[in-house]
Amino acid sequence: MAFPSTAPSTRSVNYGDYPVKSVQMMDGFETRILYGSKRVGVELQLAYNNIADAIAEQFLSDYDTQRGTFGTFPLPSSTTDGMEQGLANQIPGVSDTQWRYAGPPTVNSVYPGVSSVTVTLLAVLV
């Protein structure tokens, strides 16, 4: 099972930060060490509003297929389609990034047969 290719209703992006370690010296000076050239902690929160229960079930099935937060997977381009190109380019590219679940999908039943799903993903650079 692949991550569902349904386009999200809304997207929220935390673009992360570069891996930096700060060391406070005894004399009060601070030394900062940069540990990488790529941002880490990139988080993508996707909301799928008023979708059929069958589609909502696909998110739960994929979460189980990935063994929860363990497995990584490619992100379908439909998740960033329609985003302003400049912002979409700030998210690590689909080809050089894998994603994993930050936690289980949240499913809210709107009415019988219709649900809303929220998914939070973390970027895993490969």
PDB file of N, CA and C in Angstrom:
ATOM      1  N   MET A   1       0.841  -1.183   0.000  1.00  0.00           N
ATOM      2  CA  MET A   1       0.000   0.000   0.000  1.00  0.00           C
ATOM      3  C   MET A   1       0.875   1.231   0.000  1.00  0.00           C
ATOM      4  N   ALA A   2       0.643   2.149  -0.903  1.00  0.00           N
ATOM      5  CA  ALA A   2       1.384   3.409  -0.962  1.00  0.00           C
ATOM      6  C   ALA A   2       0.575   4.500  -0.269  1.00  0.00           C
ATOM      7  N   PHE A   3       1.267   5.566   0.107  1.00  0.00           N
ATOM      8  CA  PHE A   3       0.583   6.705   0.708  1.00  0.00           C
ATOM      9  C   PHE A   3      -0.489   7.179  -0.266  1.00  0.00           C
ATOM     10  N   PRO A   4      -1.713   7.416   0.200  1.00  0.00           N
ATOM     11  CA  PRO A   4      -2.802   7.800  -0.701  1.00  0.00           C
ATOM     12  C   PRO A   4      -2.469   9.048  -1.517  1.00  0.00           C
ATOM     13  N   SER A   5      -2.863   9.039  -2.776  1.00  0.00           N
ATOM     14  CA  SER A   5      -2.534  10.156  -3.668  1.00  0.00           C
ATOM     15  C   SER A   5      -3.638  11.209  -3.707  1.00  0.00           C
ATOM     16  N   THR A   6      -4.586  11.132  -2.805  1.00  0.00           N
ATOM     17  CA  THR A   6      -5.633  12.143  -2.707  1.00  0.00           C
ATOM     18  C   THR A   6      -5.006  13.492  -2.371  1.00  0.00           C
ATOM     19  N   ALA A   7      -5.429  14.542  -3.064  1.00  0.00           N
ATOM     20  CA  ALA A   7      -4.903  15.886  -2.790  1.00  0.00           C
ATOM     21  C   ALA A   7      -5.440  16.380  -1.448  1.00  0.00           C
ATOM     22  N   PRO A   8      -4.573  16.965  -0.610  1.00  0.00           N
ATOM     23  CA  PRO A   8      -5.039  17.450   0.690  1.00  0.00           C
ATOM     24  C   PRO A   8      -5.869  18.726   0.546  1.00  0.00           C
ATOM     25  N   SER A   9      -6.738  18.943   1.527  1.00  0.00           N
ATOM     26  CA  SER A   9      -7.523  20.182   1.573  1.00  0.00           C
ATOM     27  C   SER A   9      -6.646  21.342   2.028  1.00  0.00           C
ATOM     28  N   THR A  10      -5.798  21.077   3.028  1.00  0.00           N
ATOM     29  CA  THR A  10      -4.868  22.094   3.521  1.00  0.00           C
ATOM     30  C   THR A  10      -3.533  21.446   3.838  1.00  0.00           C
ATOM     31  N   ARG A  11      -2.479  22.275   3.780  1.00  0.00           N
ATOM     32  CA  ARG A  11      -1.125  21.833   4.114  1.00  0.00           C
ATOM     33  C   ARG A  11      -0.514  22.858   5.063  1.00  0.00           C
ATOM     34  N   SER A  12       0.217  22.366   6.021  1.00  0.00           N
ATOM     35  CA  SER A  12       0.957  23.219   6.937  1.00  0.00           C
ATOM     36  C   SER A  12       2.383  22.673   6.972  1.00  0.00           C
ATOM     37  N   VAL A  13       3.360  23.560   6.775  1.00  0.00           N
ATOM     38  CA  VAL A  13       4.748  23.116   6.681  1.00  0.00           C
ATOM     39  C   VAL A  13       5.593  23.793   7.754  1.00  0.00           C
ATOM     40  N   ASN A  14       6.359  22.982   8.488  1.00  0.00           N
ATOM     41  CA  ASN A  14       7.416  23.483   9.357  1.00  0.00           C
ATOM     42  C   ASN A  14       8.701  23.161   8.608  1.00  0.00           C
ATOM     43  N   TYR A  15       9.406  24.182   8.132  1.00  0.00           N
ATOM     44  CA  TYR A  15      10.549  23.969   7.255  1.00  0.00           C
ATOM     45  C   TYR A  15      11.816  23.515   7.977  1.00  0.00           C
ATOM     46  N   GLY A  16      11.772  23.326   9.278  1.00  0.00           N
ATOM     47  CA  GLY A  16      12.923  22.782   9.992  1.00  0.00           C
ATOM     48  C   GLY A  16      14.049  23.781  10.148  1.00  0.00           C
ATOM     49  N   ASP A  17      15.180  23.293  10.591  1.00  0.00           N
ATOM     50  CA  ASP A  17      16.348  24.140  10.825  1.00  0.00           C
ATOM     51  C   ASP A  17      17.601  23.315  10.555  1.00  0.00           C
ATOM     52  N   TYR A  18      18.703  23.988  10.415  1.00  0.00           N
ATOM     53  CA  TYR A  18      19.987  23.315  10.213  1.00  0.00           C
ATOM     54  C   TYR A  18      20.468  22.743  11.541  1.00  0.00           C
ATOM     55  N   PRO A  19      21.136  21.603  11.507  1.00  0.00           N
ATOM     56  CA  PRO A  19      21.609  20.997  12.761  1.00  0.00           C
ATOM     57  C   PRO A  19      22.779  21.794  13.334  1.00  0.00           C
ATOM     58  N   VAL A  20      22.512  22.473  14.439  1.00  0.00           N
ATOM     59  CA  VAL A  20      23.498  23.335  15.084  1.00  0.00           C
ATOM     60  C   VAL A  20      23.618  22.928  16.543  1.00  0.00           C
ATOM     61  N   LYS A  21      24.835  22.902  17.029  1.00  0.00           N
ATOM     62  CA  LYS A  21      25.098  22.621  18.442  1.00  0.00           C
ATOM     63  C   LYS A  21      25.738  23.858  19.053  1.00  0.00           C
ATOM     64  N   SER A  22      25.163  24.342  20.129  1.00  0.00           N
ATOM     65  CA  SER A  22      25.714  25.498  20.837  1.00  0.00           C
ATOM     66  C   SER A  22      26.431  25.011  22.085  1.00  0.00           C
ATOM     67  N   VAL A  23      27.629  25.562  22.302  1.00  0.00           N
ATOM     68  CA  VAL A  23      28.400  25.213  23.490  1.00  0.00           C
ATOM     69  C   VAL A  23      28.707  26.510  24.222  1.00  0.00           C
ATOM     70  N   GLN A  24      28.260  26.610  25.478  1.00  0.00           N
ATOM     71  CA  GLN A  24      28.501  27.791  26.300  1.00  0.00           C
ATOM     72  C   GLN A  24      29.818  27.595  27.049  1.00  0.00           C
ATOM     73  N   MET A  25      30.739  28.510  26.837  1.00  0.00           N
ATOM     74  CA  MET A  25      32.044  28.425  27.496  1.00  0.00           C
ATOM     75  C   MET A  25      31.970  29.013  28.908  1.00  0.00           C
ATOM     76  N   MET A  26      32.931  28.674  29.738  1.00  0.00           N
ATOM     77  CA  MET A  26      32.964  29.157  31.121  1.00  0.00           C
ATOM     78  C   MET A  26      33.080  30.676  31.197  1.00  0.00           C
ATOM     79  N   ASP A  27      33.727  31.290  30.185  1.00  0.00           N
ATOM     80  CA  ASP A  27      33.904  32.744  30.215  1.00  0.00           C
ATOM     81  C   ASP A  27      32.709  33.484  29.600  1.00  0.00           C
ATOM     82  N   GLY A  28      31.648  32.758  29.257  1.00  0.00           N
ATOM     83  CA  GLY A  28      30.441  33.391  28.746  1.00  0.00           C
ATOM     84  C   GLY A  28      30.315  33.398  27.235  1.00  0.00           C
ATOM     85  N   PHE A  29      31.398  33.084  26.541  1.00  0.00           N
ATOM     86  CA  PHE A  29      31.317  33.044  25.084  1.00  0.00           C
ATOM     87  C   PHE A  29      30.574  31.792  24.628  1.00  0.00           C
ATOM     88  N   GLU A  30      29.977  31.913  23.483  1.00  0.00           N
ATOM     89  CA  GLU A  30      29.243  30.788  22.917  1.00  0.00           C
ATOM     90  C   GLU A  30      29.900  30.378  21.605  1.00  0.00           C
ATOM     91  N   THR A  31      30.078  29.079  21.436  1.00  0.00           N
ATOM     92  CA  THR A  31      30.572  28.534  20.173  1.00  0.00           C
ATOM     93  C   THR A  31      29.439  27.732  19.557  1.00  0.00           C
ATOM     94  N   ARG A  32      29.211  27.961  18.260  1.00  0.00           N
ATOM     95  CA  ARG A  32      28.147  27.239  17.553  1.00  0.00           C
ATOM     96  C   ARG A  32      28.791  26.420  16.447  1.00  0.00           C
ATOM     97  N   ILE A  33      28.403  25.165  16.366  1.00  0.00           N
ATOM     98  CA  ILE A  33      28.951  24.252  15.372  1.00  0.00           C
ATOM     99  C   ILE A  33      27.818  23.800  14.462  1.00  0.00           C
ATOM    100  N   LEU A  34      28.027  23.949  13.154  1.00  0.00           N
ATOM    101  CA  LEU A  34      27.046  23.512  12.164  1.00  0.00           C
ATOM    102  C   LEU A  34      27.380  22.074  11.783  1.00  0.00           C
ATOM    103  N   TYR A  35      26.421  21.169  11.928  1.00  0.00           N
ATOM    104  CA  TYR A  35      26.648  19.746  11.691  1.00  0.00           C
ATOM    105  C   TYR A  35      26.124  19.227  10.361  1.00  0.00           C
ATOM    106  N   GLY A  36      25.633  20.092   9.509  1.00  0.00           N
ATOM    107  CA  GLY A  36      25.132  19.610   8.222  1.00  0.00           C
ATOM    108  C   GLY A  36      24.759  20.755   7.304  1.00  0.00           C
ATOM    109  N   SER A  37      24.548  20.412   6.033  1.00  0.00           N
ATOM    110  CA  SER A  37      24.236  21.431   5.034  1.00  0.00           C
ATOM    111  C   SER A  37      22.767  21.394   4.611  1.00  0.00           C
ATOM    112  N   LYS A  38      21.967  20.551   5.252  1.00  0.00           N
ATOM    113  CA  LYS A  38      20.548  20.456   4.917  1.00  0.00           C
ATOM    114  C   LYS A  38      19.711  20.624   6.181  1.00  0.00           C
ATOM    115  N   ARG A  39      18.539  21.198   5.999  1.00  0.00           N
ATOM    116  CA  ARG A  39      17.627  21.368   7.120  1.00  0.00           C
ATOM    117  C   ARG A  39      17.099  20.013   7.583  1.00  0.00           C
ATOM    118  N   VAL A  40      16.920  19.893   8.872  1.00  0.00           N
ATOM    119  CA  VAL A  40      16.336  18.687   9.457  1.00  0.00           C
ATOM    120  C   VAL A  40      15.080  19.093  10.216  1.00  0.00           C
ATOM    121  N   GLY A  41      14.249  18.133  10.511  1.00  0.00           N
ATOM    122  CA  GLY A  41      13.027  18.420  11.242  1.00  0.00           C
ATOM    123  C   GLY A  41      11.935  19.025  10.373  1.00  0.00           C
ATOM    124  N   VAL A  42      12.007  18.789   9.050  1.00  0.00           N
ATOM    125  CA  VAL A  42      10.959  19.283   8.161  1.00  0.00           C
ATOM    126  C   VAL A  42       9.701  18.460   8.427  1.00  0.00           C
ATOM    127  N   GLU A  43       8.615  19.155   8.715  1.00  0.00           N
ATOM    128  CA  GLU A  43       7.366  18.502   9.083  1.00  0.00           C
ATOM    129  C   GLU A  43       6.254  19.007   8.176  1.00  0.00           C
ATOM    130  N   LEU A  44       5.440  18.111   7.706  1.00  0.00           N
ATOM    131  CA  LEU A  44       4.336  18.431   6.810  1.00  0.00           C
ATOM    132  C   LEU A  44       3.050  17.903   7.432  1.00  0.00           C
ATOM    133  N   GLN A  45       2.127  18.825   7.718  1.00  0.00           N
ATOM    134  CA  GLN A  45       0.830  18.412   8.260  1.00  0.00           C
ATOM    135  C   GLN A  45      -0.204  18.575   7.158  1.00  0.00           C
ATOM    136  N   LEU A  46      -0.893  17.482   6.869  1.00  0.00           N
ATOM    137  CA  LEU A  46      -1.871  17.439   5.785  1.00  0.00           C
ATOM    138  C   LEU A  46      -3.248  17.181   6.364  1.00  0.00           C
ATOM    139  N   ALA A  47      -4.237  17.942   5.882  1.00  0.00           N
ATOM    140  CA  ALA A  47      -5.624  17.735   6.295  1.00  0.00           C
ATOM    141  C   ALA A  47      -6.449  17.385   5.069  1.00  0.00           C
ATOM    142  N   TYR A  48      -7.242  16.361   5.215  1.00  0.00           N
ATOM    143  CA  TYR A  48      -8.141  15.896   4.155  1.00  0.00           C
ATOM    144  C   TYR A  48      -9.556  16.014   4.706  1.00  0.00           C
ATOM    145  N   ASN A  49     -10.270  17.047   4.285  1.00  0.00           N
ATOM    146  CA  ASN A  49     -11.596  17.327   4.841  1.00  0.00           C
ATOM    147  C   ASN A  49     -12.703  16.700   4.000  1.00  0.00           C
ATOM    148  N   ASN A  50     -13.663  16.140   4.697  1.00  0.00           N
ATOM    149  CA  ASN A  50     -14.885  15.614   4.082  1.00  0.00           C
ATOM    150  C   ASN A  50     -14.601  14.631   2.945  1.00  0.00           C
ATOM    151  N   ILE A  51     -13.835  13.613   3.265  1.00  0.00           N
ATOM    152  CA  ILE A  51     -13.528  12.563   2.286  1.00  0.00           C
ATOM    153  C   ILE A  51     -14.331  11.314   2.624  1.00  0.00           C
ATOM    154  N   ALA A  52     -14.487  10.453   1.651  1.00  0.00           N
ATOM    155  CA  ALA A  52     -15.219   9.202   1.874  1.00  0.00           C
ATOM    156  C   ALA A  52     -14.477   8.339   2.897  1.00  0.00           C
ATOM    157  N   ASP A  53     -15.232   7.598   3.678  1.00  0.00           N
ATOM    158  CA  ASP A  53     -14.630   6.718   4.682  1.00  0.00           C
ATOM    159  C   ASP A  53     -13.649   5.733   4.052  1.00  0.00           C
ATOM    160  N   ALA A  54     -13.912   5.302   2.828  1.00  0.00           N
ATOM    161  CA  ALA A  54     -13.009   4.361   2.149  1.00  0.00           C
ATOM    162  C   ALA A  54     -11.640   4.987   1.928  1.00  0.00           C
ATOM    163  N   ILE A  55     -11.605   6.279   1.618  1.00  0.00           N
ATOM    164  CA  ILE A  55     -10.317   6.969   1.441  1.00  0.00           C
ATOM    165  C   ILE A  55      -9.644   7.163   2.795  1.00  0.00           C
ATOM    166  N   ALA A  56     -10.417   7.514   3.805  1.00  0.00           N
ATOM    167  CA  ALA A  56      -9.859   7.667   5.160  1.00  0.00           C
ATOM    168  C   ALA A  56      -9.227   6.355   5.619  1.00  0.00           C
ATOM    169  N   GLU A  57      -9.845   5.252   5.268  1.00  0.00           N
ATOM    170  CA  GLU A  57      -9.318   3.941   5.640  1.00  0.00           C
ATOM    171  C   GLU A  57      -7.972   3.659   4.966  1.00  0.00           C
ATOM    172  N   GLN A  58      -7.746   4.238   3.778  1.00  0.00           N
ATOM    173  CA  GLN A  58      -6.466   4.063   3.087  1.00  0.00           C
ATOM    174  C   GLN A  58      -5.314   4.634   3.916  1.00  0.00           C
ATOM    175  N   PHE A  59      -5.549   5.745   4.603  1.00  0.00           N
ATOM    176  CA  PHE A  59      -4.504   6.326   5.450  1.00  0.00           C
ATOM    177  C   PHE A  59      -4.185   5.406   6.624  1.00  0.00           C
ATOM    178  N   LEU A  60      -5.212   4.825   7.217  1.00  0.00           N
ATOM    179  CA  LEU A  60      -4.987   3.898   8.326  1.00  0.00           C
ATOM    180  C   LEU A  60      -4.278   2.632   7.852  1.00  0.00           C
ATOM    181  N   SER A  61      -4.651   2.146   6.671  1.00  0.00           N
ATOM    182  CA  SER A  61      -3.998   0.960   6.112  1.00  0.00           C
ATOM    183  C   SER A  61      -2.534   1.231   5.806  1.00  0.00           C
ATOM    184  N   ASP A  62      -2.240   2.415   5.243  1.00  0.00           N
ATOM    185  CA  ASP A  62      -0.853   2.744   4.942  1.00  0.00           C
ATOM    186  C   ASP A  62      -0.042   2.885   6.229  1.00  0.00           C
ATOM    187  N   TYR A  63      -0.639   3.480   7.251  1.00  0.00           N
ATOM    188  CA  TYR A  63       0.042   3.603   8.545  1.00  0.00           C
ATOM    189  C   TYR A  63       0.417   2.221   9.071  1.00  0.00           C
ATOM    190  N   ASP A  64      -0.497   1.265   8.946  1.00  0.00           N
ATOM    191  CA  ASP A  64      -0.204  -0.107   9.371  1.00  0.00           C
ATOM    192  C   ASP A  64       0.862  -0.746   8.493  1.00  0.00           C
ATOM    193  N   THR A  65       0.805  -0.509   7.182  1.00  0.00           N
ATOM    194  CA  THR A  65       1.805  -1.053   6.260  1.00  0.00           C
ATOM    195  C   THR A  65       3.204  -0.543   6.612  1.00  0.00           C
ATOM    196  N   GLN A  66       3.294   0.729   7.004  1.00  0.00           N
ATOM    197  CA  GLN A  66       4.587   1.332   7.365  1.00  0.00           C
ATOM    198  C   GLN A  66       5.030   0.947   8.776  1.00  0.00           C
ATOM    199  N   ARG A  67       4.221   0.170   9.462  1.00  0.00           N
ATOM    200  CA  ARG A  67       4.478  -0.198  10.859  1.00  0.00           C
ATOM    201  C   ARG A  67       4.553   1.060  11.717  1.00  0.00           C
ATOM    202  N   GLY A  68       3.557   1.911  11.517  1.00  0.00           N
ATOM    203  CA  GLY A  68       3.461   3.143  12.307  1.00  0.00           C
ATOM    204  C   GLY A  68       4.525   4.142  11.892  1.00  0.00           C
ATOM    205  N   THR A  69       5.296   4.604  12.862  1.00  0.00           N
ATOM    206  CA  THR A  69       6.316   5.620  12.598  1.00  0.00           C
ATOM    207  C   THR A  69       7.642   5.014  12.137  1.00  0.00           C
ATOM    208  N   PHE A  70       7.685   3.720  11.933  1.00  0.00           N
ATOM    209  CA  PHE A  70       8.946   3.047  11.585  1.00  0.00           C
ATOM    210  C   PHE A  70       9.330   3.206  10.116  1.00  0.00           C
ATOM    211  N   GLY A  71       8.437   2.852   9.200  1.00  0.00           N
ATOM    212  CA  GLY A  71       8.766   2.805   7.776  1.00  0.00           C
ATOM    213  C   GLY A  71       8.834   4.180   7.124  1.00  0.00           C
ATOM    214  N   THR A  72       9.553   4.235   6.015  1.00  0.00           N
ATOM    215  CA  THR A  72       9.635   5.458   5.217  1.00  0.00           C
ATOM    216  C   THR A  72       9.050   5.184   3.839  1.00  0.00           C
ATOM    217  N   PHE A  73       8.601   6.241   3.179  1.00  0.00           N
ATOM    218  CA  PHE A  73       7.938   6.093   1.884  1.00  0.00           C
ATOM    219  C   PHE A  73       8.085   7.378   1.083  1.00  0.00           C
ATOM    220  N   PRO A  74       7.965   7.279  -0.243  1.00  0.00           N
ATOM    221  CA  PRO A  74       7.981   8.490  -1.071  1.00  0.00           C
ATOM    222  C   PRO A  74       6.632   9.194  -0.976  1.00  0.00           C
ATOM    223  N   LEU A  75       6.661  10.482  -1.157  1.00  0.00           N
ATOM    224  CA  LEU A  75       5.442  11.284  -1.094  1.00  0.00           C
ATOM    225  C   LEU A  75       4.923  11.531  -2.498  1.00  0.00           C
ATOM    226  N   PRO A  76       3.659  11.236  -2.774  1.00  0.00           N
ATOM    227  CA  PRO A  76       3.134  11.490  -4.117  1.00  0.00           C
ATOM    228  C   PRO A  76       3.095  12.993  -4.404  1.00  0.00           C
ATOM    229  N   SER A  77       3.287  13.356  -5.655  1.00  0.00           N
ATOM    230  CA  SER A  77       3.327  14.772  -6.031  1.00  0.00           C
ATOM    231  C   SER A  77       2.002  15.473  -5.780  1.00  0.00           C
ATOM    232  N   SER A  78       0.915  14.730  -5.659  1.00  0.00           N
ATOM    233  CA  SER A  78      -0.391  15.352  -5.422  1.00  0.00           C
ATOM    234  C   SER A  78      -0.449  16.098  -4.090  1.00  0.00           C
ATOM    235  N   THR A  79       0.454  15.787  -3.170  1.00  0.00           N
ATOM    236  CA  THR A  79       0.431  16.464  -1.874  1.00  0.00           C
ATOM    237  C   THR A  79       0.928  17.896  -1.969  1.00  0.00           C
ATOM    238  N   THR A  80       1.749  18.222  -2.983  1.00  0.00           N
ATOM    239  CA  THR A  80       2.225  19.600  -3.147  1.00  0.00           C
ATOM    240  C   THR A  80       1.668  20.268  -4.392  1.00  0.00           C
ATOM    241  N   ASP A  81       0.891  19.554  -5.192  1.00  0.00           N
ATOM    242  CA  ASP A  81       0.261  20.166  -6.363  1.00  0.00           C
ATOM    243  C   ASP A  81      -0.607  21.334  -5.919  1.00  0.00           C
ATOM    244  N   GLY A  82      -0.505  22.449  -6.624  1.00  0.00           N
ATOM    245  CA  GLY A  82      -1.304  23.620  -6.302  1.00  0.00           C
ATOM    246  C   GLY A  82      -0.646  24.553  -5.312  1.00  0.00           C
ATOM    247  N   MET A  83       0.428  24.117  -4.676  1.00  0.00           N
ATOM    248  CA  MET A  83       1.175  25.004  -3.791  1.00  0.00           C
ATOM    249  C   MET A  83       1.966  25.966  -4.634  1.00  0.00           C
ATOM    250  N   GLU A  84       2.163  27.160  -4.142  1.00  0.00           N
ATOM    251  CA  GLU A  84       3.009  28.091  -4.888  1.00  0.00           C
ATOM    252  C   GLU A  84       4.365  27.436  -5.086  1.00  0.00           C
ATOM    253  N   GLN A  85       4.884  27.510  -6.308  1.00  0.00           N
ATOM    254  CA  GLN A  85       6.090  26.774  -6.676  1.00  0.00           C
ATOM    255  C   GLN A  85       7.264  27.081  -5.745  1.00  0.00           C
ATOM    256  N   GLY A  86       7.448  28.341  -5.371  1.00  0.00           N
ATOM    257  CA  GLY A  86       8.557  28.696  -4.486  1.00  0.00           C
ATOM    258  C   GLY A  86       8.479  27.983  -3.145  1.00  0.00           C
ATOM    259  N   LEU A  87       7.282  27.909  -2.578  1.00  0.00           N
ATOM    260  CA  LEU A  87       7.114  27.226  -1.293  1.00  0.00           C
ATOM    261  C   LEU A  87       7.287  25.729  -1.444  1.00  0.00           C
ATOM    262  N   ALA A  88       6.732  25.174  -2.509  1.00  0.00           N
ATOM    263  CA  ALA A  88       6.853  23.732  -2.731  1.00  0.00           C
ATOM    264  C   ALA A  88       8.317  23.344  -2.907  1.00  0.00           C
ATOM    265  N   ASN A  89       9.110  24.203  -3.536  1.00  0.00           N
ATOM    266  CA  ASN A  89      10.528  23.900  -3.733  1.00  0.00           C
ATOM    267  C   ASN A  89      11.303  23.914  -2.427  1.00  0.00           C
ATOM    268  N   GLN A  90      10.776  24.565  -1.397  1.00  0.00           N
ATOM    269  CA  GLN A  90      11.449  24.591  -0.104  1.00  0.00           C
ATOM    270  C   GLN A  90      11.256  23.292   0.670  1.00  0.00           C
ATOM    271  N   ILE A  91      10.279  22.510   0.261  1.00  0.00           N
ATOM    272  CA  ILE A  91      10.100  21.182   0.855  1.00  0.00           C
ATOM    273  C   ILE A  91      11.079  20.270   0.135  1.00  0.00           C
ATOM    274  N   PRO A  92      11.849  19.467   0.848  1.00  0.00           N
ATOM    275  CA  PRO A  92      12.771  18.577   0.147  1.00  0.00           C
ATOM    276  C   PRO A  92      12.061  17.819  -0.960  1.00  0.00           C
ATOM    277  N   GLY A  93      12.742  17.653  -2.079  1.00  0.00           N
ATOM    278  CA  GLY A  93      12.137  17.057  -3.263  1.00  0.00           C
ATOM    279  C   GLY A  93      11.652  15.639  -3.056  1.00  0.00           C
ATOM    280  N   VAL A  94      10.654  15.277  -3.797  1.00  0.00           N
ATOM    281  CA  VAL A  94      10.066  13.940  -3.700  1.00  0.00           C
ATOM    282  C   VAL A  94      11.114  12.876  -4.019  1.00  0.00           C
ATOM    283  N   SER A  95      11.996  13.158  -4.993  1.00  0.00           N
ATOM    284  CA  SER A  95      12.953  12.139  -5.427  1.00  0.00           C
ATOM    285  C   SER A  95      14.077  11.911  -4.418  1.00  0.00           C
ATOM    286  N   ASP A  96      14.459  12.936  -3.630  1.00  0.00           N
ATOM    287  CA  ASP A  96      15.590  12.759  -2.711  1.00  0.00           C
ATOM    288  C   ASP A  96      15.170  12.713  -1.247  1.00  0.00           C
ATOM    289  N   THR A  97      13.897  12.562  -0.988  1.00  0.00           N
ATOM    290  CA  THR A  97      13.408  12.536   0.388  1.00  0.00           C
ATOM    291  C   THR A  97      12.407  11.408   0.565  1.00  0.00           C
ATOM    292  N   GLN A  98      12.510  10.759   1.681  1.00  0.00           N
ATOM    293  CA  GLN A  98      11.502   9.805   2.114  1.00  0.00           C
ATOM    294  C   GLN A  98      10.768  10.464   3.282  1.00  0.00           C
ATOM    295  N   TRP A  99       9.594   9.991   3.559  1.00  0.00           N
ATOM    296  CA  TRP A  99       8.790  10.546   4.640  1.00  0.00           C
ATOM    297  C   TRP A  99       8.393   9.420   5.583  1.00  0.00           C
ATOM    298  N   ARG A 100       8.112   9.784   6.817  1.00  0.00           N
ATOM    299  CA  ARG A 100       7.578   8.825   7.778  1.00  0.00           C
ATOM    300  C   ARG A 100       6.510   9.525   8.599  1.00  0.00           C
ATOM    301  N   TYR A 101       5.641   8.726   9.164  1.00  0.00           N
ATOM    302  CA  TYR A 101       4.588   9.276   9.998  1.00  0.00           C
ATOM    303  C   TYR A 101       5.177   9.779  11.314  1.00  0.00           C
ATOM    304  N   ALA A 102       4.723  10.949  11.769  1.00  0.00           N
ATOM    305  CA  ALA A 102       5.122  11.462  13.080  1.00  0.00           C
ATOM    306  C   ALA A 102       4.277  10.820  14.174  1.00  0.00           C
ATOM    307  N   GLY A 103       3.127  10.320  13.797  1.00  0.00           N
ATOM    308  CA  GLY A 103       2.196   9.665  14.709  1.00  0.00           C
ATOM    309  C   GLY A 103       1.050   9.120  13.883  1.00  0.00           C
ATOM    310  N   PRO A 104       0.094   8.498  14.525  1.00  0.00           N
ATOM    311  CA  PRO A 104      -1.021   7.923  13.772  1.00  0.00           C
ATOM    312  C   PRO A 104      -1.905   9.014  13.159  1.00  0.00           C
ATOM    313  N   PRO A 105      -2.546   8.705  12.042  1.00  0.00           N
ATOM    314  CA  PRO A 105      -3.503   9.653  11.460  1.00  0.00           C
ATOM    315  C   PRO A 105      -4.658   9.894  12.437  1.00  0.00           C
ATOM    316  N   THR A 106      -5.170  11.104  12.421  1.00  0.00           N
ATOM    317  CA  THR A 106      -6.339  11.447  13.225  1.00  0.00           C
ATOM    318  C   THR A 106      -7.549  11.455  12.312  1.00  0.00           C
ATOM    319  N   VAL A 107      -8.553  10.671  12.659  1.00  0.00           N
ATOM    320  CA  VAL A 107      -9.761  10.567  11.836  1.00  0.00           C
ATOM    321  C   VAL A 107     -10.944  11.105  12.637  1.00  0.00           C
ATOM    322  N   ASN A 108     -11.660  12.045  12.031  1.00  0.00           N
ATOM    323  CA  ASN A 108     -12.879  12.588  12.633  1.00  0.00           C
ATOM    324  C   ASN A 108     -14.049  12.239  11.736  1.00  0.00           C
ATOM    325  N   SER A 109     -15.070  11.628  12.313  1.00  0.00           N
ATOM    326  CA  SER A 109     -16.263  11.287  11.552  1.00  0.00           C
ATOM    327  C   SER A 109     -17.134  12.531  11.437  1.00  0.00           C
ATOM    328  N   VAL A 110     -17.406  12.956  10.201  1.00  0.00           N
ATOM    329  CA  VAL A 110     -18.225  14.142   9.957  1.00  0.00           C
ATOM    330  C   VAL A 110     -19.696  13.753  10.010  1.00  0.00           C
ATOM    331  N   TYR A 111     -20.058  12.755   9.242  1.00  0.00           N
ATOM    332  CA  TYR A 111     -21.367  12.115   9.281  1.00  0.00           C
ATOM    333  C   TYR A 111     -21.197  10.763   8.617  1.00  0.00           C
ATOM    334  N   PRO A 112     -22.172   9.879   8.682  1.00  0.00           N
ATOM    335  CA  PRO A 112     -21.977   8.524   8.155  1.00  0.00           C
ATOM    336  C   PRO A 112     -21.460   8.516   6.713  1.00  0.00           C
ATOM    337  N   GLY A 113     -20.345   7.843   6.530  1.00  0.00           N
ATOM    338  CA  GLY A 113     -19.743   7.715   5.205  1.00  0.00           C
ATOM    339  C   GLY A 113     -18.760   8.808   4.844  1.00  0.00           C
ATOM    340  N   VAL A 114     -18.642   9.846   5.684  1.00  0.00           N
ATOM    341  CA  VAL A 114     -17.733  10.972   5.397  1.00  0.00           C
ATOM    342  C   VAL A 114     -16.890  11.259   6.637  1.00  0.00           C
ATOM    343  N   SER A 115     -15.580  11.404   6.420  1.00  0.00           N
ATOM    344  CA  SER A 115     -14.647  11.680   7.515  1.00  0.00           C
ATOM    345  C   SER A 115     -13.657  12.751   7.101  1.00  0.00           C
ATOM    346  N   SER A 116     -12.953  13.275   8.095  1.00  0.00           N
ATOM    347  CA  SER A 116     -11.824  14.162   7.857  1.00  0.00           C
ATOM    348  C   SER A 116     -10.606  13.518   8.502  1.00  0.00           C
ATOM    349  N   VAL A 117      -9.454  13.611   7.830  1.00  0.00           N
ATOM    350  CA  VAL A 117      -8.229  12.971   8.307  1.00  0.00           C
ATOM    351  C   VAL A 117      -7.123  14.013   8.373  1.00  0.00           C
ATOM    352  N   THR A 118      -6.343  13.969   9.442  1.00  0.00           N
ATOM    353  CA  THR A 118      -5.148  14.802   9.573  1.00  0.00           C
ATOM    354  C   THR A 118      -3.951  13.878   9.733  1.00  0.00           C
ATOM    355  N   VAL A 119      -2.906  14.145   8.952  1.00  0.00           N
ATOM    356  CA  VAL A 119      -1.696  13.333   8.965  1.00  0.00           C
ATOM    357  C   VAL A 119      -0.500  14.262   9.132  1.00  0.00           C
ATOM    358  N   THR A 120       0.429  13.907  10.009  1.00  0.00           N
ATOM    359  CA  THR A 120       1.671  14.662  10.159  1.00  0.00           C
ATOM    360  C   THR A 120       2.819  13.770   9.736  1.00  0.00           C
ATOM    361  N   LEU A 121       3.638  14.271   8.797  1.00  0.00           N
ATOM    362  CA  LEU A 121       4.769  13.517   8.250  1.00  0.00           C
ATOM    363  C   LEU A 121       6.071  14.238   8.565  1.00  0.00           C
ATOM    364  N   LEU A 122       7.135  13.459   8.739  1.00  0.00           N
ATOM    365  CA  LEU A 122       8.468  13.996   8.939  1.00  0.00           C
ATOM    366  C   LEU A 122       9.349  13.606   7.767  1.00  0.00           C
ATOM    367  N   ALA A 123      10.143  14.556   7.265  1.00  0.00           N
ATOM    368  CA  ALA A 123      11.051  14.275   6.165  1.00  0.00           C
ATOM    369  C   ALA A 123      12.254  13.497   6.681  1.00  0.00           C
ATOM    370  N   VAL A 124      12.666  12.498   5.908  1.00  0.00           N
ATOM    371  CA  VAL A 124      13.841  11.701   6.220  1.00  0.00           C
ATOM    372  C   VAL A 124      14.745  11.777   4.999  1.00  0.00           C
ATOM    373  N   LEU A 125      15.843  12.505   5.087  1.00  0.00           N
ATOM    374  CA  LEU A 125      16.740  12.656   3.954  1.00  0.00           C
ATOM    375  C   LEU A 125      17.483  11.361   3.698  1.00  0.00           C
ATOM    376  N   VAL A 126      17.604  10.999   2.443  1.00  0.00           N
ATOM    377  CA  VAL A 126      18.332   9.782   2.065  1.00  0.00           C
ATOM    378  C   VAL A 126      19.551  10.120   1.262  1.00  0.00           C
TER     379      VAL A 126
END
